[in-house]
Amino acid sequence: SGKRKAAILLAAIGKQTAAQIYKQLSESEVETVTMELANLGKVDPGII
């Protein structure tokens, strides 16, 4: 899904860069992506 792609990207680019992206998101978007990040688990390198 789109929200899972977003979570994978944020997890892969590092905390500092991800934090800058978070600043551009709405409250609902932050909540959605954060929930997805929390449940992301291990991701295959090919998917990343």
All heavy atoms as atom14 arrays in JSON, in Angstrom:
{
  "sequence": "SGKRKAAILLAAIGKQTAAQIYKQLSESEVETVTMELANLGKVDPGII",
  "atom14_mask": [
    [1, 1, 1, 1, 1, 1, 0, 0, 0, 0, 0, 0, 0, 0],
    [1, 1, 1, 1, 0, 0, 0, 0, 0, 0, 0, 0, 0, 0],
    [1, 1, 1, 1, 1, 1, 1, 1, 1, 0, 0, 0, 0, 0],
    [1, 1, 1, 1, 1, 1, 1, 1, 1, 1, 1, 0, 0, 0],
    [1, 1, 1, 1, 1, 1, 1, 1, 1, 0, 0, 0, 0, 0],
    [1, 1, 1, 1, 1, 0, 0, 0, 0, 0, 0, 0, 0, 0],
    [1, 1, 1, 1, 1, 0, 0, 0, 0, 0, 0, 0, 0, 0],
    [1, 1, 1, 1, 1, 1, 1, 1, 0, 0, 0, 0, 0, 0],
    [1, 1, 1, 1, 1, 1, 1, 1, 0, 0, 0, 0, 0, 0],
    [1, 1, 1, 1, 1, 1, 1, 1, 0, 0, 0, 0, 0, 0],
    [1, 1, 1, 1, 1, 0, 0, 0, 0, 0, 0, 0, 0, 0],
    [1, 1, 1, 1, 1, 0, 0, 0, 0, 0, 0, 0, 0, 0],
    [1, 1, 1, 1, 1, 1, 1, 1, 0, 0, 0, 0, 0, 0],
    [1, 1, 1, 1, 0, 0, 0, 0, 0, 0, 0, 0, 0, 0],
    [1, 1, 1, 1, 1, 1, 1, 1, 1, 0, 0, 0, 0, 0],
    [1, 1, 1, 1, 1, 1, 1, 1, 1, 0, 0, 0, 0, 0],
    [1, 1, 1, 1, 1, 1, 1, 0, 0, 0, 0, 0, 0, 0],
    [1, 1, 1, 1, 1, 0, 0, 0, 0, 0, 0, 0, 0, 0],
    [1, 1, 1, 1, 1, 0, 0, 0, 0, 0, 0, 0, 0, 0],
    [1, 1, 1, 1, 1, 1, 1, 1, 1, 0, 0, 0, 0, 0],
    [1, 1, 1, 1, 1, 1, 1, 1, 0, 0, 0, 0, 0, 0],
    [1, 1, 1, 1, 1, 1, 1, 1, 1, 1, 1, 1, 0, 0],
    [1, 1, 1, 1, 1, 1, 1, 1, 1, 0, 0, 0, 0, 0],
    [1, 1, 1, 1, 1, 1, 1, 1, 1, 0, 0, 0, 0, 0],
    [1, 1, 1, 1, 1, 1, 1, 1, 0, 0, 0, 0, 0, 0],
    [1, 1, 1, 1, 1, 1, 0, 0, 0, 0, 0, 0, 0, 0],
    [1, 1, 1, 1, 1, 1, 1, 1, 1, 0, 0, 0, 0, 0],
    [1, 1, 1, 1, 1, 1, 0, 0, 0, 0, 0, 0, 0, 0],
    [1, 1, 1, 1, 1, 1, 1, 1, 1, 0, 0, 0, 0, 0],
    [1, 1, 1, 1, 1, 1, 1, 0, 0, 0, 0, 0, 0, 0],
    [1, 1, 1, 1, 1, 1, 1, 1, 1, 0, 0, 0, 0, 0],
    [1, 1, 1, 1, 1, 1, 1, 0, 0, 0, 0, 0, 0, 0],
    [1, 1, 1, 1, 1, 1, 1, 0, 0, 0, 0, 0, 0, 0],
    [1, 1, 1, 1, 1, 1, 1, 0, 0, 0, 0, 0, 0, 0],
    [1, 1, 1, 1, 1, 1, 1, 1, 0, 0, 0, 0, 0, 0],
    [1, 1, 1, 1, 1, 1, 1, 1, 1, 0, 0, 0, 0, 0],
    [1, 1, 1, 1, 1, 1, 1, 1, 0, 0, 0, 0, 0, 0],
    [1, 1, 1, 1, 1, 0, 0, 0, 0, 0, 0, 0, 0, 0],
    [1, 1, 1, 1, 1, 1, 1, 1, 0, 0, 0, 0, 0, 0],
    [1, 1, 1, 1, 1, 1, 1, 1, 0, 0, 0, 0, 0, 0],
    [1, 1, 1, 1, 0, 0, 0, 0, 0, 0, 0, 0, 0, 0],
    [1, 1, 1, 1, 1, 1, 1, 1, 1, 0, 0, 0, 0, 0],
    [1, 1, 1, 1, 1, 1, 1, 0, 0, 0, 0, 0, 0, 0],
    [1, 1, 1, 1, 1, 1, 1, 1, 0, 0, 0, 0, 0, 0],
    [1, 1, 1, 1, 1, 1, 1, 0, 0, 0, 0, 0, 0, 0],
    [1, 1, 1, 1, 0, 0, 0, 0, 0, 0, 0, 0, 0, 0],
    [1, 1, 1, 1, 1, 1, 1, 1, 0, 0, 0, 0, 0, 0],
    [1, 1, 1, 1, 1, 1, 1, 1, 0, 0, 0, 0, 0, 0]
  ],
  "atom14_positions": [
    [[0.83, -1.21, 0.0], [0.0, 0.0, 0.0], [0.86, 1.26, 0.0], [2.07, 1.21, 0.3], [-0.91, 0.01, 1.24], [-0.12, 0.13, 2.41], [0.0, 0.0, 0.0], [0.0, 0.0, 0.0], [0.0, 0.0, 0.0], [0.0, 0.0, 0.0], [0.0, 0.0, 0.0], [0.0, 0.0, 0.0], [0.0, 0.0, 0.0], [0.0, 0.0, 0.0]],
    [[0.24, 2.37, -0.31], [0.96, 3.63, -0.33], [1.53, 4.0, 1.02], [2.66, 4.48, 1.13], [0.0, 0.0, 0.0], [0.0, 0.0, 0.0], [0.0, 0.0, 0.0], [0.0, 0.0, 0.0], [0.0, 0.0, 0.0], [0.0, 0.0, 0.0], [0.0, 0.0, 0.0], [0.0, 0.0, 0.0], [0.0, 0.0, 0.0], [0.0, 0.0, 0.0]],
    [[0.75, 3.77, 2.1], [1.25, 4.13, 3.42], [2.41, 3.24, 3.86], [3.31, 3.69, 4.56], [0.11, 4.07, 4.45], [-0.57, 2.72, 4.6], [-1.73, 2.82, 5.58], [-2.43, 1.47, 5.74], [-3.58, 1.56, 6.67], [0.0, 0.0, 0.0], [0.0, 0.0, 0.0], [0.0, 0.0, 0.0], [0.0, 0.0, 0.0], [0.0, 0.0, 0.0]],
    [[2.4, 1.97, 3.38], [3.52, 1.09, 3.7], [4.77, 1.51, 2.94], [5.88, 1.47, 3.47], [3.16, -0.37, 3.39], [4.26, -1.35, 3.84], [3.76, -2.79, 3.82], [4.79, -3.72, 4.24], [5.11, -3.98, 5.5], [4.46, -3.34, 6.48], [6.05, -4.84, 5.81], [0.0, 0.0, 0.0], [0.0, 0.0, 0.0], [0.0, 0.0, 0.0]],
    [[4.6, 1.93, 1.68], [5.74, 2.44, 0.92], [6.36, 3.64, 1.63], [7.57, 3.77, 1.74], [5.3, 2.86, -0.48], [4.81, 1.74, -1.38], [4.31, 2.35, -2.69], [3.52, 1.35, -3.51], [2.96, 1.95, -4.73], [0.0, 0.0, 0.0], [0.0, 0.0, 0.0], [0.0, 0.0, 0.0], [0.0, 0.0, 0.0], [0.0, 0.0, 0.0]],
    [[5.48, 4.53, 2.13], [5.97, 5.71, 2.84], [6.73, 5.32, 4.09], [7.79, 5.9, 4.4], [4.79, 6.63, 3.2], [0.0, 0.0, 0.0], [0.0, 0.0, 0.0], [0.0, 0.0, 0.0], [0.0, 0.0, 0.0], [0.0, 0.0, 0.0], [0.0, 0.0, 0.0], [0.0, 0.0, 0.0], [0.0, 0.0, 0.0], [0.0, 0.0, 0.0]],
    [[6.21, 4.34, 4.82], [6.88, 3.89, 6.04], [8.24, 3.25, 5.73], [9.23, 3.49, 6.44], [5.98, 2.89, 6.77], [0.0, 0.0, 0.0], [0.0, 0.0, 0.0], [0.0, 0.0, 0.0], [0.0, 0.0, 0.0], [0.0, 0.0, 0.0], [0.0, 0.0, 0.0], [0.0, 0.0, 0.0], [0.0, 0.0, 0.0], [0.0, 0.0, 0.0]],
    [[8.29, 2.47, 4.67], [9.56, 1.84, 4.27], [10.59, 2.9, 3.91], [11.76, 2.84, 4.32], [9.34, 0.88, 3.07], [8.51, -0.33, 3.52], [10.67, 0.42, 2.48], [8.07, -1.23, 2.37], [0.0, 0.0, 0.0], [0.0, 0.0, 0.0], [0.0, 0.0, 0.0], [0.0, 0.0, 0.0], [0.0, 0.0, 0.0], [0.0, 0.0, 0.0]],
    [[10.16, 3.89, 3.17], [11.07, 4.97, 2.77], [11.59, 5.72, 3.99], [12.79, 5.98, 4.11], [10.35, 5.93, 1.83], [11.19, 7.11, 1.34], [12.32, 6.64, 0.44], [10.32, 8.12, 0.6], [0.0, 0.0, 0.0], [0.0, 0.0, 0.0], [0.0, 0.0, 0.0], [0.0, 0.0, 0.0], [0.0, 0.0, 0.0], [0.0, 0.0, 0.0]],
    [[10.69, 6.09, 4.91], [11.1, 6.83, 6.1], [12.06, 6.02, 6.98], [12.99, 6.56, 7.57], [9.87, 7.24, 6.91], [9.0, 8.33, 6.29], [7.73, 8.54, 7.12], [9.77, 9.64, 6.18], [0.0, 0.0, 0.0], [0.0, 0.0, 0.0], [0.0, 0.0, 0.0], [0.0, 0.0, 0.0], [0.0, 0.0, 0.0], [0.0, 0.0, 0.0]],
    [[11.83, 4.71, 7.03], [12.71, 3.85, 7.82], [14.09, 3.74, 7.17], [15.1, 3.6, 7.87], [12.09, 2.46, 7.96], [0.0, 0.0, 0.0], [0.0, 0.0, 0.0], [0.0, 0.0, 0.0], [0.0, 0.0, 0.0], [0.0, 0.0, 0.0], [0.0, 0.0, 0.0], [0.0, 0.0, 0.0], [0.0, 0.0, 0.0], [0.0, 0.0, 0.0]],
    [[14.12, 3.82, 5.84], [15.37, 3.59, 5.12], [16.26, 4.83, 5.03], [17.48, 4.7, 4.93], [15.07, 3.09, 3.71], [0.0, 0.0, 0.0], [0.0, 0.0, 0.0], [0.0, 0.0, 0.0], [0.0, 0.0, 0.0], [0.0, 0.0, 0.0], [0.0, 0.0, 0.0], [0.0, 0.0, 0.0], [0.0, 0.0, 0.0], [0.0, 0.0, 0.0]],
    [[15.68, 6.01, 5.07], [16.48, 7.22, 4.83], [17.13, 7.79, 6.08], [17.91, 8.74, 6.0], [15.61, 8.32, 4.18], [14.44, 8.71, 5.09], [15.11, 7.89, 2.81], [13.57, 9.82, 4.53], [0.0, 0.0, 0.0], [0.0, 0.0, 0.0], [0.0, 0.0, 0.0], [0.0, 0.0, 0.0], [0.0, 0.0, 0.0], [0.0, 0.0, 0.0]],
    [[16.84, 7.24, 7.23], [17.48, 7.72, 8.46], [16.63, 8.7, 9.23], [15.73, 9.36, 8.69], [0.0, 0.0, 0.0], [0.0, 0.0, 0.0], [0.0, 0.0, 0.0], [0.0, 0.0, 0.0], [0.0, 0.0, 0.0], [0.0, 0.0, 0.0], [0.0, 0.0, 0.0], [0.0, 0.0, 0.0], [0.0, 0.0, 0.0], [0.0, 0.0, 0.0]],
    [[16.92, 8.81, 10.53], [16.08, 9.59, 11.44], [16.04, 11.08, 11.1], [14.98, 11.71, 11.12], [16.56, 9.41, 12.88], [16.39, 7.99, 13.41], [16.91, 7.89, 14.84], [16.76, 6.45, 15.37], [17.3, 6.33, 16.75], [0.0, 0.0, 0.0], [0.0, 0.0, 0.0], [0.0, 0.0, 0.0], [0.0, 0.0, 0.0], [0.0, 0.0, 0.0]],
    [[17.21, 11.66, 10.83], [17.24, 13.11, 10.61], [16.44, 13.53, 9.38], [15.65, 14.47, 9.42], [18.69, 13.59, 10.48], [19.47, 13.53, 11.8], [20.84, 14.16, 11.67], [21.34, 14.36, 10.57], [21.45, 14.47, 12.81], [0.0, 0.0, 0.0], [0.0, 0.0, 0.0], [0.0, 0.0, 0.0], [0.0, 0.0, 0.0], [0.0, 0.0, 0.0]],
    [[16.66, 12.81, 8.28], [15.92, 13.14, 7.05], [14.43, 12.85, 7.23], [13.58, 13.62, 6.79], [16.47, 12.33, 5.86], [17.88, 12.53, 5.78], [15.82, 12.77, 4.56], [0.0, 0.0, 0.0], [0.0, 0.0, 0.0], [0.0, 0.0, 0.0], [0.0, 0.0, 0.0], [0.0, 0.0, 0.0], [0.0, 0.0, 0.0], [0.0, 0.0, 0.0]],
    [[14.12, 11.72, 7.88], [12.72, 11.37, 8.12], [12.04, 12.44, 8.97], [10.86, 12.77, 8.75], [12.64, 10.01, 8.8], [0.0, 0.0, 0.0], [0.0, 0.0, 0.0], [0.0, 0.0, 0.0], [0.0, 0.0, 0.0], [0.0, 0.0, 0.0], [0.0, 0.0, 0.0], [0.0, 0.0, 0.0], [0.0, 0.0, 0.0], [0.0, 0.0, 0.0]],
    [[12.77, 12.99, 9.94], [12.2, 14.02, 10.8], [11.82, 15.26, 10.01], [10.79, 15.9, 10.27], [13.2, 14.4, 11.9], [0.0, 0.0, 0.0], [0.0, 0.0, 0.0], [0.0, 0.0, 0.0], [0.0, 0.0, 0.0], [0.0, 0.0, 0.0], [0.0, 0.0, 0.0], [0.0, 0.0, 0.0], [0.0, 0.0, 0.0], [0.0, 0.0, 0.0]],
    [[12.63, 15.61, 9.01], [12.33, 16.76, 8.17], [11.06, 16.53, 7.35], [10.26, 17.44, 7.14], [13.51, 17.07, 7.23], [14.77, 17.52, 7.96], [14.54, 18.76, 8.81], [13.95, 19.73, 8.35], [15.0, 18.71, 10.06], [0.0, 0.0, 0.0], [0.0, 0.0, 0.0], [0.0, 0.0, 0.0], [0.0, 0.0, 0.0], [0.0, 0.0, 0.0]],
    [[10.89, 15.28, 6.88], [9.69, 14.94, 6.12], [8.46, 14.98, 7.02], [7.4, 15.45, 6.62], [9.84, 13.56, 5.46], [10.94, 13.62, 4.38], [8.52, 13.09, 4.85], [11.22, 12.3, 3.71], [0.0, 0.0, 0.0], [0.0, 0.0, 0.0], [0.0, 0.0, 0.0], [0.0, 0.0, 0.0], [0.0, 0.0, 0.0], [0.0, 0.0, 0.0]],
    [[8.62, 14.49, 8.26], [7.51, 14.49, 9.21], [6.95, 15.9, 9.42], [5.74, 16.08, 9.61], [7.97, 13.93, 10.56], [7.53, 12.52, 10.82], [8.4, 11.44, 10.65], [6.23, 12.24, 11.25], [8.0, 10.14, 10.89], [5.81, 10.95, 11.49], [6.7, 9.9, 11.32], [6.29, 8.61, 11.55], [0.0, 0.0, 0.0], [0.0, 0.0, 0.0]],
    [[7.83, 16.9, 9.35], [7.4, 18.28, 9.58], [6.44, 18.77, 8.5], [5.68, 19.71, 8.7], [8.62, 19.21, 9.64], [9.51, 19.0, 10.85], [10.71, 19.93, 10.8], [11.64, 19.69, 11.99], [12.83, 20.57, 11.93], [0.0, 0.0, 0.0], [0.0, 0.0, 0.0], [0.0, 0.0, 0.0], [0.0, 0.0, 0.0], [0.0, 0.0, 0.0]],
    [[6.48, 18.12, 7.34], [5.63, 18.54, 6.22], [4.29, 17.81, 6.2], [3.44, 18.11, 5.36], [6.35, 18.27, 4.88], [7.78, 18.8, 4.81], [7.86, 20.29, 5.06], [7.05, 21.05, 4.55], [8.85, 20.73, 5.84], [0.0, 0.0, 0.0], [0.0, 0.0, 0.0], [0.0, 0.0, 0.0], [0.0, 0.0, 0.0], [0.0, 0.0, 0.0]],
    [[4.09, 16.85, 7.1], [2.88, 16.05, 7.09], [1.81, 16.63, 7.99], [2.1, 17.32, 8.97], [3.2, 14.61, 7.54], [4.28, 13.85, 6.76], [4.47, 12.45, 7.35], [3.9, 13.74, 5.29], [0.0, 0.0, 0.0], [0.0, 0.0, 0.0], [0.0, 0.0, 0.0], [0.0, 0.0, 0.0], [0.0, 0.0, 0.0], [0.0, 0.0, 0.0]],
    [[0.55, 16.32, 7.67], [-0.56, 16.72, 8.53], [-0.63, 15.77, 9.72], [0.04, 14.74, 9.75], [-1.87, 16.65, 7.75], [-2.16, 15.31, 7.39], [0.0, 0.0, 0.0], [0.0, 0.0, 0.0], [0.0, 0.0, 0.0], [0.0, 0.0, 0.0], [0.0, 0.0, 0.0], [0.0, 0.0, 0.0], [0.0, 0.0, 0.0], [0.0, 0.0, 0.0]],
    [[-1.45, 16.13, 10.7], [-1.58, 15.28, 11.9], [-2.03, 13.87, 11.55], [-1.5, 12.88, 12.05], [-2.57, 15.91, 12.88], [-1.93, 16.87, 13.85], [-2.9, 17.32, 14.93], [-3.68, 16.47, 15.43], [-2.89, 18.51, 15.24], [0.0, 0.0, 0.0], [0.0, 0.0, 0.0], [0.0, 0.0, 0.0], [0.0, 0.0, 0.0], [0.0, 0.0, 0.0]],
    [[-3.04, 13.79, 10.68], [-3.57, 12.47, 10.31], [-2.52, 11.66, 9.56], [-2.41, 10.44, 9.74], [-4.83, 12.62, 9.47], [-4.55, 13.32, 8.27], [0.0, 0.0, 0.0], [0.0, 0.0, 0.0], [0.0, 0.0, 0.0], [0.0, 0.0, 0.0], [0.0, 0.0, 0.0], [0.0, 0.0, 0.0], [0.0, 0.0, 0.0], [0.0, 0.0, 0.0]],
    [[-1.73, 12.32, 8.7], [-0.68, 11.63, 7.96], [0.41, 11.14, 8.9], [0.91, 10.01, 8.73], [-0.09, 12.56, 6.89], [-1.03, 12.84, 5.74], [-0.54, 13.94, 4.82], [0.26, 14.79, 5.29], [-0.96, 13.98, 3.65], [0.0, 0.0, 0.0], [0.0, 0.0, 0.0], [0.0, 0.0, 0.0], [0.0, 0.0, 0.0], [0.0, 0.0, 0.0]],
    [[0.78, 11.96, 9.87], [1.78, 11.55, 10.86], [1.31, 10.31, 11.61], [2.05, 9.35, 11.81], [2.07, 12.7, 11.85], [2.87, 12.18, 13.05], [2.83, 13.81, 11.15], [0.0, 0.0, 0.0], [0.0, 0.0, 0.0], [0.0, 0.0, 0.0], [0.0, 0.0, 0.0], [0.0, 0.0, 0.0], [0.0, 0.0, 0.0], [0.0, 0.0, 0.0]],
    [[0.04, 10.34, 12.03], [-0.52, 9.21, 12.78], [-0.53, 7.94, 11.94], [-0.13, 6.86, 12.4], [-1.94, 9.55, 13.23], [-2.58, 8.47, 14.09], [-3.97, 8.87, 14.56], [-4.27, 10.08, 14.6], [-4.76, 7.95, 14.87], [0.0, 0.0, 0.0], [0.0, 0.0, 0.0], [0.0, 0.0, 0.0], [0.0, 0.0, 0.0], [0.0, 0.0, 0.0]],
    [[-0.96, 8.06, 10.67], [-1.04, 6.9, 9.79], [0.33, 6.29, 9.53], [0.53, 5.07, 9.64], [-1.68, 7.3, 8.44], [-3.0, 7.78, 8.68], [-1.75, 6.11, 7.49], [0.0, 0.0, 0.0], [0.0, 0.0, 0.0], [0.0, 0.0, 0.0], [0.0, 0.0, 0.0], [0.0, 0.0, 0.0], [0.0, 0.0, 0.0], [0.0, 0.0, 0.0]],
    [[1.29, 7.14, 9.18], [2.64, 6.65, 8.85], [3.32, 6.08, 10.1], [4.02, 5.06, 10.02], [3.49, 7.78, 8.24], [4.94, 7.33, 8.05], [2.92, 8.2, 6.89], [0.0, 0.0, 0.0], [0.0, 0.0, 0.0], [0.0, 0.0, 0.0], [0.0, 0.0, 0.0], [0.0, 0.0, 0.0], [0.0, 0.0, 0.0], [0.0, 0.0, 0.0]],
    [[3.12, 6.72, 11.24], [3.74, 6.24, 12.48], [3.22, 4.85, 12.85], [4.0, 3.97, 13.26], [3.47, 7.22, 13.64], [4.0, 8.5, 13.29], [4.14, 6.75, 14.91], [0.0, 0.0, 0.0], [0.0, 0.0, 0.0], [0.0, 0.0, 0.0], [0.0, 0.0, 0.0], [0.0, 0.0, 0.0], [0.0, 0.0, 0.0], [0.0, 0.0, 0.0]],
    [[1.92, 4.65, 12.71], [1.35, 3.33, 12.98], [1.94, 2.29, 12.04], [2.25, 1.16, 12.44], [-0.17, 3.38, 12.83], [-0.88, 4.12, 13.93], [-0.73, 3.3, 15.53], [-1.69, 1.82, 15.22], [0.0, 0.0, 0.0], [0.0, 0.0, 0.0], [0.0, 0.0, 0.0], [0.0, 0.0, 0.0], [0.0, 0.0, 0.0], [0.0, 0.0, 0.0]],
    [[2.12, 2.66, 10.78], [2.67, 1.74, 9.81], [4.14, 1.44, 10.13], [4.59, 0.3, 10.0], [2.55, 2.34, 8.4], [2.74, 1.35, 7.27], [1.65, 0.29, 7.22], [0.5, 0.6, 7.57], [1.96, -0.85, 6.82], [0.0, 0.0, 0.0], [0.0, 0.0, 0.0], [0.0, 0.0, 0.0], [0.0, 0.0, 0.0], [0.0, 0.0, 0.0]],
    [[4.88, 2.47, 10.54], [6.29, 2.27, 10.93], [6.41, 1.32, 12.11], [7.28, 0.46, 12.15], [6.92, 3.62, 11.28], [7.59, 4.4, 10.16], [7.95, 5.81, 10.64], [8.84, 3.68, 9.68], [0.0, 0.0, 0.0], [0.0, 0.0, 0.0], [0.0, 0.0, 0.0], [0.0, 0.0, 0.0], [0.0, 0.0, 0.0], [0.0, 0.0, 0.0]],
    [[5.5, 1.51, 13.08], [5.55, 0.68, 14.29], [5.31, -0.79, 13.98], [5.82, -1.67, 14.68], [4.51, 1.18, 15.29], [0.0, 0.0, 0.0], [0.0, 0.0, 0.0], [0.0, 0.0, 0.0], [0.0, 0.0, 0.0], [0.0, 0.0, 0.0], [0.0, 0.0, 0.0], [0.0, 0.0, 0.0], [0.0, 0.0, 0.0], [0.0, 0.0, 0.0]],
    [[4.56, -1.06, 12.93], [4.24, -2.44, 12.58], [5.01, -2.93, 11.35], [4.64, -3.94, 10.75], [2.73, -2.56, 12.29], [1.9, -2.29, 13.53], [1.96, -3.02, 14.51], [1.12, -1.21, 13.48], [0.0, 0.0, 0.0], [0.0, 0.0, 0.0], [0.0, 0.0, 0.0], [0.0, 0.0, 0.0], [0.0, 0.0, 0.0], [0.0, 0.0, 0.0]],
    [[6.08, -2.21, 10.99], [6.78, -2.51, 9.74], [7.52, -3.84, 9.77], [7.42, -4.64, 8.85], [7.76, -1.37, 9.43], [8.32, -1.32, 8.02], [7.19, -1.25, 6.99], [9.25, -0.11, 7.86], [0.0, 0.0, 0.0], [0.0, 0.0, 0.0], [0.0, 0.0, 0.0], [0.0, 0.0, 0.0], [0.0, 0.0, 0.0], [0.0, 0.0, 0.0]],
    [[8.24, -4.09, 10.83], [9.01, -5.33, 10.91], [10.19, -5.33, 9.93], [10.62, -4.29, 9.42], [0.0, 0.0, 0.0], [0.0, 0.0, 0.0], [0.0, 0.0, 0.0], [0.0, 0.0, 0.0], [0.0, 0.0, 0.0], [0.0, 0.0, 0.0], [0.0, 0.0, 0.0], [0.0, 0.0, 0.0], [0.0, 0.0, 0.0], [0.0, 0.0, 0.0]],
    [[10.7, -6.51, 9.61], [11.84, -6.63, 8.72], [11.38, -6.54, 7.26], [10.4, -7.17, 6.86], [12.55, -7.97, 8.95], [13.86, -8.11, 8.19], [14.56, -9.41, 8.55], [15.87, -9.55, 7.79], [16.57, -10.81, 8.13], [0.0, 0.0, 0.0], [0.0, 0.0, 0.0], [0.0, 0.0, 0.0], [0.0, 0.0, 0.0], [0.0, 0.0, 0.0]],
    [[12.11, -5.76, 6.47], [11.75, -5.55, 5.06], [12.86, -6.08, 4.17], [14.04, -5.82, 4.41], [11.52, -4.05, 4.76], [11.13, -3.85, 3.3], [10.45, -3.48, 5.68], [0.0, 0.0, 0.0], [0.0, 0.0, 0.0], [0.0, 0.0, 0.0], [0.0, 0.0, 0.0], [0.0, 0.0, 0.0], [0.0, 0.0, 0.0], [0.0, 0.0, 0.0]],
    [[12.49, -6.82, 3.16], [13.46, -7.37, 2.22], [14.23, -6.24, 1.53], [13.63, -5.27, 1.09], [12.72, -8.21, 1.17], [13.69, -8.92, 0.25], [14.11, -8.29, -0.74], [14.0, -10.09, 0.51], [0.0, 0.0, 0.0], [0.0, 0.0, 0.0], [0.0, 0.0, 0.0], [0.0, 0.0, 0.0], [0.0, 0.0, 0.0], [0.0, 0.0, 0.0]],
    [[15.58, -6.36, 1.43], [16.38, -5.32, 0.77], [15.92, -5.02, -0.65], [16.0, -3.88, -1.11], [17.8, -5.92, 0.78], [17.8, -6.86, 1.94], [16.43, -7.44, 1.98], [0.0, 0.0, 0.0], [0.0, 0.0, 0.0], [0.0, 0.0, 0.0], [0.0, 0.0, 0.0], [0.0, 0.0, 0.0], [0.0, 0.0, 0.0], [0.0, 0.0, 0.0]],
    [[15.43, -6.02, -1.34], [14.94, -5.8, -2.7], [13.74, -4.87, -2.74], [13.59, -4.05, -3.66], [0.0, 0.0, 0.0], [0.0, 0.0, 0.0], [0.0, 0.0, 0.0], [0.0, 0.0, 0.0], [0.0, 0.0, 0.0], [0.0, 0.0, 0.0], [0.0, 0.0, 0.0], [0.0, 0.0, 0.0], [0.0, 0.0, 0.0], [0.0, 0.0, 0.0]],
    [[12.87, -5.02, -1.74], [11.7, -4.14, -1.64], [12.15, -2.71, -1.37], [11.61, -1.75, -1.95], [10.75, -4.62, -0.52], [10.16, -5.98, -0.87], [9.64, -3.61, -0.28], [9.23, -5.94, -2.06], [0.0, 0.0, 0.0], [0.0, 0.0, 0.0], [0.0, 0.0, 0.0], [0.0, 0.0, 0.0], [0.0, 0.0, 0.0], [0.0, 0.0, 0.0]],
    [[13.14, -2.54, -0.5], [13.66, -1.2, -0.19], [14.22, -0.55, -1.44], [13.95, 0.63, -1.72], [14.74, -1.27, 0.91], [14.13, -1.78, 2.23], [15.36, 0.11, 1.12], [15.14, -1.97, 3.34], [0.0, 0.0, 0.0], [0.0, 0.0, 0.0], [0.0, 0.0, 0.0], [0.0, 0.0, 0.0], [0.0, 0.0, 0.0], [0.0, 0.0, 0.0]]
  ]
}
